[in-house]
Amino acid sequence: MARKVKVHVYLKPGVLDVQGKAVEGALHSLGWPGVANARVGKMIEFDLADDVADPEAEVKRMCETLLANTVIESYRVEVA
């Protein structure tokens, strides 16, 4: 049986989030003026084989190599 992995990737504070601004503007125009500081991220979900010795370290290596642009993005890993 495999482990379920979720990786949440989001822009670091201070990095302009154009998508977040667009979402915020759209919500305002649709009648939700109380929304502020909207940020858009992504979630990557996959199964990881049970035989991986250190799954969190392995997923971190995946993030540093491919899943996140660590210059402008941060990430959070969940391994179930």
PDB file of N, CA and C in Angstrom:
ATOM      1  N   MET A   1       0.840  -1.185   0.000  1.00  0.00           N
ATOM      2  CA  MET A   1       0.000   0.000   0.000  1.00  0.00           C
ATOM      3  C   MET A   1       0.888   1.253   0.000  1.00  0.00           C
ATOM      4  N   ALA A   2       0.462   2.291  -0.664  1.00  0.00           N
ATOM      5  CA  ALA A   2       1.258   3.504  -0.799  1.00  0.00           C
ATOM      6  C   ALA A   2       0.831   4.566   0.210  1.00  0.00           C
ATOM      7  N   ARG A   3       1.752   5.465   0.487  1.00  0.00           N
ATOM      8  CA  ARG A   3       1.456   6.618   1.335  1.00  0.00           C
ATOM      9  C   ARG A   3       0.858   7.724   0.480  1.00  0.00           C
ATOM     10  N   LYS A   4      -0.106   8.447   1.033  1.00  0.00           N
ATOM     11  CA  LYS A   4      -0.687   9.609   0.363  1.00  0.00           C
ATOM     12  C   LYS A   4       0.164  10.825   0.711  1.00  0.00           C
ATOM     13  N   VAL A   5       0.534  11.585  -0.305  1.00  0.00           N
ATOM     14  CA  VAL A   5       1.343  12.778  -0.116  1.00  0.00           C
ATOM     15  C   VAL A   5       0.602  13.973  -0.697  1.00  0.00           C
ATOM     16  N   LYS A   6       0.631  15.081   0.041  1.00  0.00           N
ATOM     17  CA  LYS A   6       0.109  16.350  -0.456  1.00  0.00           C
ATOM     18  C   LYS A   6       1.211  17.391  -0.281  1.00  0.00           C
ATOM     19  N   VAL A   7       1.456  18.139  -1.347  1.00  0.00           N
ATOM     20  CA  VAL A   7       2.428  19.227  -1.303  1.00  0.00           C
ATOM     21  C   VAL A   7       1.665  20.511  -1.619  1.00  0.00           C
ATOM     22  N   HIS A   8       1.695  21.455  -0.699  1.00  0.00           N
ATOM     23  CA  HIS A   8       1.058  22.749  -0.883  1.00  0.00           C
ATOM     24  C   HIS A   8       2.151  23.744  -1.251  1.00  0.00           C
ATOM     25  N   VAL A   9       2.023  24.393  -2.408  1.00  0.00           N
ATOM     26  CA  VAL A   9       3.015  25.346  -2.887  1.00  0.00           C
ATOM     27  C   VAL A   9       2.346  26.711  -2.961  1.00  0.00           C
ATOM     28  N   TYR A  10       3.038  27.726  -2.446  1.00  0.00           N
ATOM     29  CA  TYR A  10       2.467  29.070  -2.434  1.00  0.00           C
ATOM     30  C   TYR A  10       3.594  30.086  -2.544  1.00  0.00           C
ATOM     31  N   LEU A  11       3.247  31.283  -3.041  1.00  0.00           N
ATOM     32  CA  LEU A  11       4.240  32.331  -3.198  1.00  0.00           C
ATOM     33  C   LEU A  11       4.708  32.835  -1.834  1.00  0.00           C
ATOM     34  N   LYS A  12       5.979  33.174  -1.754  1.00  0.00           N
ATOM     35  CA  LYS A  12       6.516  33.722  -0.519  1.00  0.00           C
ATOM     36  C   LYS A  12       5.924  35.107  -0.272  1.00  0.00           C
ATOM     37  N   PRO A  13       5.854  35.508   0.998  1.00  0.00           N
ATOM     38  CA  PRO A  13       5.375  36.864   1.302  1.00  0.00           C
ATOM     39  C   PRO A  13       6.230  37.893   0.568  1.00  0.00           C
ATOM     40  N   GLY A  14       5.590  38.929   0.071  1.00  0.00           N
ATOM     41  CA  GLY A  14       6.304  39.976  -0.645  1.00  0.00           C
ATOM     42  C   GLY A  14       6.399  39.764  -2.142  1.00  0.00           C
ATOM     43  N   VAL A  15       6.111  38.547  -2.607  1.00  0.00           N
ATOM     44  CA  VAL A  15       6.123  38.267  -4.046  1.00  0.00           C
ATOM     45  C   VAL A  15       4.734  38.608  -4.589  1.00  0.00           C
ATOM     46  N   LEU A  16       4.688  39.444  -5.630  1.00  0.00           N
ATOM     47  CA  LEU A  16       3.417  39.856  -6.207  1.00  0.00           C
ATOM     48  C   LEU A  16       2.654  38.643  -6.731  1.00  0.00           C
ATOM     49  N   ASP A  17       1.422  38.504  -6.285  1.00  0.00           N
ATOM     50  CA  ASP A  17       0.558  37.402  -6.703  1.00  0.00           C
ATOM     51  C   ASP A  17      -0.506  37.950  -7.643  1.00  0.00           C
ATOM     52  N   VAL A  18      -0.227  37.943  -8.937  1.00  0.00           N
ATOM     53  CA  VAL A  18      -1.130  38.494  -9.941  1.00  0.00           C
ATOM     54  C   VAL A  18      -2.456  37.738  -9.940  1.00  0.00           C
ATOM     55  N   GLN A  19      -2.409  36.413  -9.845  1.00  0.00           N
ATOM     56  CA  GLN A  19      -3.648  35.631  -9.805  1.00  0.00           C
ATOM     57  C   GLN A  19      -4.463  35.964  -8.562  1.00  0.00           C
ATOM     58  N   GLY A  20      -3.794  36.108  -7.445  1.00  0.00           N
ATOM     59  CA  GLY A  20      -4.490  36.456  -6.206  1.00  0.00           C
ATOM     60  C   GLY A  20      -5.188  37.800  -6.321  1.00  0.00           C
ATOM     61  N   LYS A  21      -4.512  38.779  -6.927  1.00  0.00           N
ATOM     62  CA  LYS A  21      -5.117  40.099  -7.126  1.00  0.00           C
ATOM     63  C   LYS A  21      -6.337  40.001  -8.038  1.00  0.00           C
ATOM     64  N   ALA A  22      -6.254  39.180  -9.083  1.00  0.00           N
ATOM     65  CA  ALA A  22      -7.388  39.004  -9.995  1.00  0.00           C
ATOM     66  C   ALA A  22      -8.567  38.357  -9.275  1.00  0.00           C
ATOM     67  N   VAL A  23      -8.303  37.353  -8.461  1.00  0.00           N
ATOM     68  CA  VAL A  23      -9.363  36.694  -7.690  1.00  0.00           C
ATOM     69  C   VAL A  23      -9.992  37.687  -6.721  1.00  0.00           C
ATOM     70  N   GLU A  24      -9.159  38.442  -6.037  1.00  0.00           N
ATOM     71  CA  GLU A  24      -9.661  39.434  -5.090  1.00  0.00           C
ATOM     72  C   GLU A  24     -10.554  40.460  -5.795  1.00  0.00           C
ATOM     73  N   GLY A  25     -10.115  40.973  -6.942  1.00  0.00           N
ATOM     74  CA  GLY A  25     -10.908  41.935  -7.698  1.00  0.00           C
ATOM     75  C   GLY A  25     -12.231  41.349  -8.160  1.00  0.00           C
ATOM     76  N   ALA A  26     -12.199  40.104  -8.614  1.00  0.00           N
ATOM     77  CA  ALA A  26     -13.429  39.452  -9.061  1.00  0.00           C
ATOM     78  C   ALA A  26     -14.397  39.259  -7.898  1.00  0.00           C
ATOM     79  N   LEU A  27     -13.894  38.856  -6.756  1.00  0.00           N
ATOM     80  CA  LEU A  27     -14.767  38.684  -5.591  1.00  0.00           C
ATOM     81  C   LEU A  27     -15.385  40.012  -5.171  1.00  0.00           C
ATOM     82  N   HIS A  28     -14.600  41.083  -5.220  1.00  0.00           N
ATOM     83  CA  HIS A  28     -15.142  42.412  -4.894  1.00  0.00           C
ATOM     84  C   HIS A  28     -16.281  42.761  -5.849  1.00  0.00           C
ATOM     85  N   SER A  29     -16.049  42.527  -7.148  1.00  0.00           N
ATOM     86  CA  SER A  29     -17.068  42.898  -8.136  1.00  0.00           C
ATOM     87  C   SER A  29     -18.314  42.012  -8.041  1.00  0.00           C
ATOM     88  N   LEU A  30     -18.183  40.849  -7.450  1.00  0.00           N
ATOM     89  CA  LEU A  30     -19.323  39.946  -7.282  1.00  0.00           C
ATOM     90  C   LEU A  30     -20.039  40.149  -5.947  1.00  0.00           C
ATOM     91  N   GLY A  31     -19.601  41.159  -5.194  1.00  0.00           N
ATOM     92  CA  GLY A  31     -20.327  41.487  -3.971  1.00  0.00           C
ATOM     93  C   GLY A  31     -19.678  41.080  -2.672  1.00  0.00           C
ATOM     94  N   TRP A  32     -18.417  40.697  -2.700  1.00  0.00           N
ATOM     95  CA  TRP A  32     -17.700  40.361  -1.466  1.00  0.00           C
ATOM     96  C   TRP A  32     -16.564  41.356  -1.244  1.00  0.00           C
ATOM     97  N   PRO A  33     -16.898  42.581  -0.834  1.00  0.00           N
ATOM     98  CA  PRO A  33     -15.875  43.618  -0.683  1.00  0.00           C
ATOM     99  C   PRO A  33     -14.955  43.399   0.516  1.00  0.00           C
ATOM    100  N   GLY A  34     -15.312  42.520   1.413  1.00  0.00           N
ATOM    101  CA  GLY A  34     -14.511  42.287   2.607  1.00  0.00           C
ATOM    102  C   GLY A  34     -13.316  41.372   2.391  1.00  0.00           C
ATOM    103  N   VAL A  35     -13.137  40.853   1.191  1.00  0.00           N
ATOM    104  CA  VAL A  35     -12.008  39.966   0.902  1.00  0.00           C
ATOM    105  C   VAL A  35     -10.753  40.806   0.702  1.00  0.00           C
ATOM    106  N   ALA A  36      -9.670  40.408   1.325  1.00  0.00           N
ATOM    107  CA  ALA A  36      -8.402  41.132   1.183  1.00  0.00           C
ATOM    108  C   ALA A  36      -7.244  40.149   1.168  1.00  0.00           C
ATOM    109  N   ASN A  37      -6.176  40.548   0.517  1.00  0.00           N
ATOM    110  CA  ASN A  37      -4.923  39.784   0.500  1.00  0.00           C
ATOM    111  C   ASN A  37      -5.095  38.361  -0.037  1.00  0.00           C
ATOM    112  N   ALA A  38      -5.863  38.188  -1.096  1.00  0.00           N
ATOM    113  CA  ALA A  38      -6.054  36.863  -1.694  1.00  0.00           C
ATOM    114  C   ALA A  38      -4.737  36.373  -2.299  1.00  0.00           C
ATOM    115  N   ARG A  39      -4.420  35.131  -2.064  1.00  0.00           N
ATOM    116  CA  ARG A  39      -3.215  34.509  -2.600  1.00  0.00           C
ATOM    117  C   ARG A  39      -3.640  33.199  -3.258  1.00  0.00           C
ATOM    118  N   VAL A  40      -3.052  32.891  -4.387  1.00  0.00           N
ATOM    119  CA  VAL A  40      -3.364  31.659  -5.104  1.00  0.00           C
ATOM    120  C   VAL A  40      -2.140  30.756  -5.050  1.00  0.00           C
ATOM    121  N   GLY A  41      -2.365  29.494  -4.754  1.00  0.00           N
ATOM    122  CA  GLY A  41      -1.278  28.521  -4.717  1.00  0.00           C
ATOM    123  C   GLY A  41      -1.684  27.284  -5.495  1.00  0.00           C
ATOM    124  N   LYS A  42      -0.950  26.211  -5.262  1.00  0.00           N
ATOM    125  CA  LYS A  42      -1.297  24.954  -5.912  1.00  0.00           C
ATOM    126  C   LYS A  42      -1.070  23.820  -4.924  1.00  0.00           C
ATOM    127  N   MET A  43      -1.788  22.729  -5.162  1.00  0.00           N
ATOM    128  CA  MET A  43      -1.638  21.553  -4.329  1.00  0.00           C
ATOM    129  C   MET A  43      -1.369  20.374  -5.259  1.00  0.00           C
ATOM    130  N   ILE A  44      -0.325  19.653  -4.957  1.00  0.00           N
ATOM    131  CA  ILE A  44       0.067  18.480  -5.742  1.00  0.00           C
ATOM    132  C   ILE A  44      -0.136  17.269  -4.845  1.00  0.00           C
ATOM    133  N   GLU A  45      -0.877  16.293  -5.332  1.00  0.00           N
ATOM    134  CA  GLU A  45      -1.199  15.108  -4.545  1.00  0.00           C
ATOM    135  C   GLU A  45      -0.749  13.873  -5.309  1.00  0.00           C
ATOM    136  N   PHE A  46      -0.085  12.953  -4.607  1.00  0.00           N
ATOM    137  CA  PHE A  46       0.344  11.725  -5.256  1.00  0.00           C
ATOM    138  C   PHE A  46       0.554  10.632  -4.222  1.00  0.00           C
ATOM    139  N   ASP A  47       0.689   9.399  -4.704  1.00  0.00           N
ATOM    140  CA  ASP A  47       0.992   8.247  -3.859  1.00  0.00           C
ATOM    141  C   ASP A  47       2.488   7.994  -3.909  1.00  0.00           C
ATOM    142  N   LEU A  48       3.062   7.625  -2.773  1.00  0.00           N
ATOM    143  CA  LEU A  48       4.485   7.317  -2.674  1.00  0.00           C
ATOM    144  C   LEU A  48       4.631   5.918  -2.093  1.00  0.00           C
ATOM    145  N   ALA A  49       5.464   5.132  -2.704  1.00  0.00           N
ATOM    146  CA  ALA A  49       5.647   3.737  -2.279  1.00  0.00           C
ATOM    147  C   ALA A  49       6.025   3.651  -0.803  1.00  0.00           C
ATOM    148  N   ASP A  50       5.522   2.634  -0.130  1.00  0.00           N
ATOM    149  CA  ASP A  50       5.787   2.430   1.297  1.00  0.00           C
ATOM    150  C   ASP A  50       7.247   2.115   1.592  1.00  0.00           C
ATOM    151  N   ASP A  51       7.988   1.641   0.602  1.00  0.00           N
ATOM    152  CA  ASP A  51       9.361   1.220   0.865  1.00  0.00           C
ATOM    153  C   ASP A  51      10.359   2.383   0.880  1.00  0.00           C
ATOM    154  N   VAL A  52       9.889   3.615   0.720  1.00  0.00           N
ATOM    155  CA  VAL A  52      10.782   4.773   0.805  1.00  0.00           C
ATOM    156  C   VAL A  52      11.148   4.974   2.269  1.00  0.00           C
ATOM    157  N   ALA A  53      12.445   4.961   2.567  1.00  0.00           N
ATOM    158  CA  ALA A  53      12.916   4.977   3.948  1.00  0.00           C
ATOM    159  C   ALA A  53      12.533   6.254   4.697  1.00  0.00           C
ATOM    160  N   ASP A  54      12.710   7.405   4.099  1.00  0.00           N
ATOM    161  CA  ASP A  54      12.400   8.684   4.739  1.00  0.00           C
ATOM    162  C   ASP A  54      11.517   9.491   3.786  1.00  0.00           C
ATOM    163  N   PRO A  55      10.206   9.244   3.824  1.00  0.00           N
ATOM    164  CA  PRO A  55       9.324   9.858   2.828  1.00  0.00           C
ATOM    165  C   PRO A  55       9.334  11.385   2.867  1.00  0.00           C
ATOM    166  N   GLU A  56       9.381  11.987   4.030  1.00  0.00           N
ATOM    167  CA  GLU A  56       9.371  13.453   4.099  1.00  0.00           C
ATOM    168  C   GLU A  56      10.626  14.038   3.470  1.00  0.00           C
ATOM    169  N   ALA A  57      11.763  13.441   3.711  1.00  0.00           N
ATOM    170  CA  ALA A  57      13.002  13.913   3.093  1.00  0.00           C
ATOM    171  C   ALA A  57      12.966  13.719   1.585  1.00  0.00           C
ATOM    172  N   GLU A  58      12.403  12.617   1.151  1.00  0.00           N
ATOM    173  CA  GLU A  58      12.311  12.336  -0.289  1.00  0.00           C
ATOM    174  C   GLU A  58      11.401  13.351  -0.982  1.00  0.00           C
ATOM    175  N   VAL A  59      10.262  13.647  -0.373  1.00  0.00           N
ATOM    176  CA  VAL A  59       9.346  14.622  -0.959  1.00  0.00           C
ATOM    177  C   VAL A  59       9.972  16.016  -0.931  1.00  0.00           C
ATOM    178  N   LYS A  60      10.708  16.329   0.116  1.00  0.00           N
ATOM    179  CA  LYS A  60      11.408  17.618   0.166  1.00  0.00           C
ATOM    180  C   LYS A  60      12.385  17.733  -1.001  1.00  0.00           C
ATOM    181  N   ARG A  61      13.104  16.660  -1.298  1.00  0.00           N
ATOM    182  CA  ARG A  61      14.019  16.678  -2.448  1.00  0.00           C
ATOM    183  C   ARG A  61      13.249  16.895  -3.745  1.00  0.00           C
ATOM    184  N   MET A  62      12.059  16.290  -3.843  1.00  0.00           N
ATOM    185  CA  MET A  62      11.220  16.501  -5.035  1.00  0.00           C
ATOM    186  C   MET A  62      10.831  17.971  -5.168  1.00  0.00           C
ATOM    187  N   CYS A  63      10.459  18.568  -4.046  1.00  0.00           N
ATOM    188  CA  CYS A  63      10.059  19.975  -4.057  1.00  0.00           C
ATOM    189  C   CYS A  63      11.224  20.871  -4.461  1.00  0.00           C
ATOM    190  N   GLU A  64      12.379  20.630  -3.897  1.00  0.00           N
ATOM    191  CA  GLU A  64      13.552  21.458  -4.180  1.00  0.00           C
ATOM    192  C   GLU A  64      14.017  21.287  -5.624  1.00  0.00           C
ATOM    193  N   THR A  65      13.755  20.126  -6.209  1.00  0.00           N
ATOM    194  CA  THR A  65      14.201  19.836  -7.570  1.00  0.00           C
ATOM    195  C   THR A  65      13.197  20.259  -8.630  1.00  0.00           C
ATOM    196  N   LEU A  66      11.897  20.029  -8.379  1.00  0.00           N
ATOM    197  CA  LEU A  66      10.909  20.219  -9.435  1.00  0.00           C
ATOM    198  C   LEU A  66       9.621  20.912  -9.001  1.00  0.00           C
ATOM    199  N   LEU A  67       9.052  20.520  -7.887  1.00  0.00           N
ATOM    200  CA  LEU A  67       7.684  20.909  -7.569  1.00  0.00           C
ATOM    201  C   LEU A  67       7.510  22.363  -7.154  1.00  0.00           C
ATOM    202  N   ALA A  68       8.558  22.996  -6.632  1.00  0.00           N
ATOM    203  CA  ALA A  68       8.465  24.394  -6.201  1.00  0.00           C
ATOM    204  C   ALA A  68       9.663  25.172  -6.715  1.00  0.00           C
ATOM    205  N   ASN A  69       9.414  26.410  -7.094  1.00  0.00           N
ATOM    206  CA  ASN A  69      10.498  27.339  -7.428  1.00  0.00           C
ATOM    207  C   ASN A  69      10.870  28.022  -6.124  1.00  0.00           C
ATOM    208  N   THR A  70      11.874  27.511  -5.438  1.00  0.00           N
ATOM    209  CA  THR A  70      12.169  27.953  -4.078  1.00  0.00           C
ATOM    210  C   THR A  70      12.710  29.379  -3.995  1.00  0.00           C
ATOM    211  N   VAL A  71      12.973  29.999  -5.125  1.00  0.00           N
ATOM    212  CA  VAL A  71      13.369  31.409  -5.111  1.00  0.00           C
ATOM    213  C   VAL A  71      12.162  32.270  -4.729  1.00  0.00           C
ATOM    214  N   ILE A  72      10.986  31.928  -5.256  1.00  0.00           N
ATOM    215  CA  ILE A  72       9.796  32.742  -5.012  1.00  0.00           C
ATOM    216  C   ILE A  72       8.664  31.990  -4.325  1.00  0.00           C
ATOM    217  N   GLU A  73       8.804  30.684  -4.146  1.00  0.00           N
ATOM    218  CA  GLU A  73       7.726  29.887  -3.551  1.00  0.00           C
ATOM    219  C   GLU A  73       8.191  29.147  -2.302  1.00  0.00           C
ATOM    220  N   SER A  74       7.255  28.941  -1.412  1.00  0.00           N
ATOM    221  CA  SER A  74       7.440  28.084  -0.244  1.00  0.00           C
ATOM    222  C   SER A  74       6.540  26.872  -0.428  1.00  0.00           C
ATOM    223  N   TYR A  75       6.752  25.862   0.391  1.00  0.00           N
ATOM    224  CA  TYR A  75       5.901  24.673   0.287  1.00  0.00           C
ATOM    225  C   TYR A  75       5.739  24.036   1.658  1.00  0.00           C
ATOM    226  N   ARG A  76       4.682  23.245   1.761  1.00  0.00           N
ATOM    227  CA  ARG A  76       4.393  22.491   2.975  1.00  0.00           C
ATOM    228  C   ARG A  76       4.054  21.080   2.546  1.00  0.00           C
ATOM    229  N   VAL A  77       4.607  20.092   3.230  1.00  0.00           N
ATOM    230  CA  VAL A  77       4.436  18.678   2.851  1.00  0.00           C
ATOM    231  C   VAL A  77       3.592  17.978   3.909  1.00  0.00           C
ATOM    232  N   GLU A  78       2.636  17.159   3.445  1.00  0.00           N
ATOM    233  CA  GLU A  78       1.851  16.280   4.313  1.00  0.00           C
ATOM    234  C   GLU A  78       2.018  14.864   3.825  1.00  0.00           C
ATOM    235  N   VAL A  79       2.481  13.978   4.684  1.00  0.00           N
ATOM    236  CA  VAL A  79       2.608  12.557   4.334  1.00  0.00           C
ATOM    237  C   VAL A  79       1.706  11.787   5.288  1.00  0.00           C
ATOM    238  N   ALA A  80       0.755  11.045   4.713  1.00  0.00           N
ATOM    239  CA  ALA A  80      -0.185  10.271   5.542  1.00  0.00           C
ATOM    240  C   ALA A  80       0.260   8.826   5.628  1.00  0.00           C
TER     241      ALA A  80
END
